[in-house]
Amino acid sequence: MKFIFSESGWAFFERMAYRGVIGLFYDSTLTGLLAYLIFFAVIGFAIIGVISMLKWLFTRKKKKKYY
């Protein structure tokens, strides 16, 4: 697996040598499975984070001010 950030002439030929991409470029079945595993793990953690943030926003108790 490899991250490719630039689009120079050599990077274009390097990118064309890979079989697929989902943010990570992969060139074999094993690295493709690992790329999809990493991708879905990041998506899963993002969904868990959004759910927990929304739960915290809507269920927090407001602090009482004592004078």
N, C-alpha and C. Protein backbone atom coordinates (compact mmCIF):
# COMPACT_ATOMS: atom_id res chain seq x y z
N MET A 1 0.84 -1.17 0.00
CA MET A 1 0.00 0.00 0.00
C MET A 1 0.88 1.23 0.00
N LYS A 2 0.38 2.28 -0.61
CA LYS A 2 1.18 3.50 -0.69
C LYS A 2 0.27 4.70 -0.86
N PHE A 3 0.62 5.78 -0.17
CA PHE A 3 -0.04 7.07 -0.38
C PHE A 3 0.70 7.78 -1.50
N ILE A 4 -0.04 8.33 -2.46
CA ILE A 4 0.57 9.13 -3.52
C ILE A 4 -0.08 10.50 -3.48
N PHE A 5 0.70 11.53 -3.22
CA PHE A 5 0.17 12.88 -3.04
C PHE A 5 0.36 13.77 -4.26
N SER A 6 1.47 13.62 -4.97
CA SER A 6 1.74 14.55 -6.07
C SER A 6 1.33 13.92 -7.39
N GLU A 7 1.31 14.73 -8.44
CA GLU A 7 0.94 14.23 -9.75
C GLU A 7 2.01 14.66 -10.75
N SER A 8 3.24 14.27 -10.47
CA SER A 8 4.32 14.53 -11.43
C SER A 8 4.29 13.42 -12.47
N GLY A 9 5.18 13.49 -13.42
CA GLY A 9 5.20 12.49 -14.48
C GLY A 9 5.47 11.10 -13.94
N TRP A 10 6.43 10.97 -13.03
CA TRP A 10 6.77 9.66 -12.48
C TRP A 10 5.64 9.13 -11.58
N ALA A 11 5.01 10.01 -10.81
CA ALA A 11 3.91 9.59 -9.94
C ALA A 11 2.73 9.10 -10.76
N PHE A 12 2.51 9.68 -11.96
CA PHE A 12 1.43 9.21 -12.82
C PHE A 12 1.67 7.77 -13.25
N PHE A 13 2.90 7.46 -13.69
CA PHE A 13 3.21 6.08 -14.10
C PHE A 13 3.17 5.13 -12.91
N GLU A 14 3.58 5.61 -11.74
CA GLU A 14 3.53 4.79 -10.54
C GLU A 14 2.08 4.50 -10.15
N ARG A 15 1.21 5.50 -10.28
CA ARG A 15 -0.20 5.33 -9.97
C ARG A 15 -0.87 4.37 -10.94
N MET A 16 -0.50 4.40 -12.20
CA MET A 16 -1.10 3.51 -13.19
C MET A 16 -0.69 2.05 -12.98
N ALA A 17 0.38 1.79 -12.24
CA ALA A 17 0.85 0.43 -11.99
C ALA A 17 0.02 -0.27 -10.93
N TYR A 18 -0.75 0.47 -10.14
CA TYR A 18 -1.53 -0.14 -9.06
C TYR A 18 -2.87 -0.62 -9.59
N ARG A 19 -3.47 -1.61 -8.90
CA ARG A 19 -4.73 -2.20 -9.32
C ARG A 19 -5.94 -1.41 -8.84
N GLY A 20 -5.83 -0.72 -7.73
CA GLY A 20 -6.99 0.00 -7.22
C GLY A 20 -6.60 1.05 -6.21
N VAL A 21 -7.60 1.86 -5.82
CA VAL A 21 -7.34 2.93 -4.87
C VAL A 21 -8.63 3.27 -4.13
N ILE A 22 -8.53 3.44 -2.81
CA ILE A 22 -9.60 3.99 -1.98
C ILE A 22 -8.97 4.94 -0.96
N GLY A 23 -8.10 5.80 -1.44
CA GLY A 23 -7.31 6.66 -0.55
C GLY A 23 -5.95 6.04 -0.32
N LEU A 24 -5.88 4.73 -0.34
CA LEU A 24 -4.64 3.97 -0.32
C LEU A 24 -4.53 3.22 -1.65
N PHE A 25 -3.38 3.30 -2.29
CA PHE A 25 -3.18 2.56 -3.53
C PHE A 25 -2.72 1.15 -3.18
N TYR A 26 -3.26 0.14 -3.84
CA TYR A 26 -2.84 -1.23 -3.57
C TYR A 26 -2.58 -1.96 -4.88
N ASP A 27 -1.68 -2.96 -4.80
CA ASP A 27 -1.29 -3.66 -6.02
C ASP A 27 -1.47 -5.18 -5.94
N SER A 28 -1.91 -5.71 -4.81
CA SER A 28 -2.16 -7.14 -4.71
C SER A 28 -3.44 -7.36 -3.90
N THR A 29 -3.89 -8.59 -3.87
CA THR A 29 -5.13 -8.90 -3.16
C THR A 29 -4.98 -8.66 -1.66
N LEU A 30 -3.87 -9.07 -1.08
CA LEU A 30 -3.65 -8.88 0.36
C LEU A 30 -3.63 -7.40 0.73
N THR A 31 -2.89 -6.60 0.00
CA THR A 31 -2.85 -5.17 0.32
C THR A 31 -4.19 -4.51 0.01
N GLY A 32 -4.94 -5.04 -0.96
CA GLY A 32 -6.29 -4.53 -1.21
C GLY A 32 -7.21 -4.79 -0.04
N LEU A 33 -7.15 -6.00 0.52
CA LEU A 33 -7.95 -6.32 1.70
C LEU A 33 -7.55 -5.44 2.89
N LEU A 34 -6.26 -5.24 3.08
CA LEU A 34 -5.80 -4.37 4.17
C LEU A 34 -6.23 -2.93 3.96
N ALA A 35 -6.20 -2.46 2.72
CA ALA A 35 -6.64 -1.09 2.44
C ALA A 35 -8.12 -0.93 2.76
N TYR A 36 -8.94 -1.91 2.35
CA TYR A 36 -10.37 -1.84 2.67
C TYR A 36 -10.61 -1.96 4.16
N LEU A 37 -9.84 -2.79 4.86
CA LEU A 37 -9.97 -2.91 6.31
C LEU A 37 -9.66 -1.59 7.00
N ILE A 38 -8.58 -0.93 6.60
CA ILE A 38 -8.21 0.37 7.17
C ILE A 38 -9.29 1.41 6.84
N PHE A 39 -9.78 1.41 5.60
CA PHE A 39 -10.80 2.37 5.18
C PHE A 39 -12.07 2.22 6.01
N PHE A 40 -12.56 0.99 6.16
CA PHE A 40 -13.80 0.78 6.91
C PHE A 40 -13.60 0.99 8.40
N ALA A 41 -12.40 0.76 8.93
CA ALA A 41 -12.13 1.06 10.34
C ALA A 41 -12.21 2.57 10.58
N VAL A 42 -11.63 3.35 9.68
CA VAL A 42 -11.68 4.81 9.82
C VAL A 42 -13.12 5.30 9.72
N ILE A 43 -13.89 4.76 8.78
CA ILE A 43 -15.30 5.14 8.64
C ILE A 43 -16.08 4.76 9.90
N GLY A 44 -15.84 3.56 10.42
CA GLY A 44 -16.52 3.11 11.64
C GLY A 44 -16.22 4.00 12.83
N PHE A 45 -14.94 4.35 13.01
CA PHE A 45 -14.57 5.22 14.12
C PHE A 45 -15.16 6.62 13.94
N ALA A 46 -15.27 7.10 12.70
CA ALA A 46 -15.88 8.41 12.46
C ALA A 46 -17.36 8.39 12.82
N ILE A 47 -18.06 7.31 12.48
CA ILE A 47 -19.49 7.21 12.81
C ILE A 47 -19.67 7.13 14.31
N ILE A 48 -18.84 6.33 14.99
CA ILE A 48 -18.91 6.24 16.46
C ILE A 48 -18.65 7.60 17.09
N GLY A 49 -17.69 8.34 16.57
CA GLY A 49 -17.38 9.67 17.09
C GLY A 49 -18.53 10.65 16.91
N VAL A 50 -19.16 10.63 15.76
CA VAL A 50 -20.30 11.53 15.52
C VAL A 50 -21.46 11.18 16.44
N ILE A 51 -21.74 9.89 16.60
CA ILE A 51 -22.84 9.48 17.47
C ILE A 51 -22.58 9.88 18.91
N SER A 52 -21.35 9.65 19.40
CA SER A 52 -21.05 10.00 20.79
C SER A 52 -21.05 11.52 21.00
N MET A 53 -20.61 12.28 20.00
CA MET A 53 -20.64 13.74 20.13
C MET A 53 -22.08 14.25 20.18
N LEU A 54 -22.94 13.72 19.31
CA LEU A 54 -24.34 14.14 19.32
C LEU A 54 -25.03 13.74 20.63
N LYS A 55 -24.71 12.56 21.13
CA LYS A 55 -25.28 12.12 22.40
C LYS A 55 -24.84 13.05 23.53
N TRP A 56 -23.56 13.43 23.53
CA TRP A 56 -23.05 14.33 24.56
C TRP A 56 -23.71 15.71 24.45
N LEU A 57 -23.91 16.19 23.22
CA LEU A 57 -24.51 17.52 23.05
C LEU A 57 -25.95 17.57 23.55
N PHE A 58 -26.71 16.51 23.30
CA PHE A 58 -28.13 16.55 23.61
C PHE A 58 -28.48 16.00 24.98
N THR A 59 -27.58 15.33 25.66
CA THR A 59 -27.92 14.75 26.96
C THR A 59 -27.13 15.35 28.12
N ARG A 60 -26.31 16.35 27.87
CA ARG A 60 -25.53 16.93 28.97
C ARG A 60 -26.44 17.77 29.86
N LYS A 61 -26.07 17.81 31.12
CA LYS A 61 -26.84 18.59 32.08
C LYS A 61 -26.23 19.98 32.19
N LYS A 62 -27.07 20.95 32.24
CA LYS A 62 -26.58 22.32 32.38
C LYS A 62 -26.20 22.57 33.84
N LYS A 63 -25.10 23.28 34.03
CA LYS A 63 -24.65 23.59 35.39
C LYS A 63 -25.51 24.70 35.99
N LYS A 64 -25.85 24.53 37.23
CA LYS A 64 -26.64 25.55 37.93
C LYS A 64 -25.69 26.62 38.47
N LYS A 65 -26.13 27.86 38.36
CA LYS A 65 -25.34 28.96 38.89
C LYS A 65 -25.86 29.30 40.26
N TYR A 66 -24.98 29.29 41.23
CA TYR A 66 -25.34 29.66 42.60
C TYR A 66 -24.89 31.08 42.86
N TYR A 67 -25.78 31.88 43.40
CA TYR A 67 -25.44 33.29 43.67
C TYR A 67 -25.25 33.51 45.14
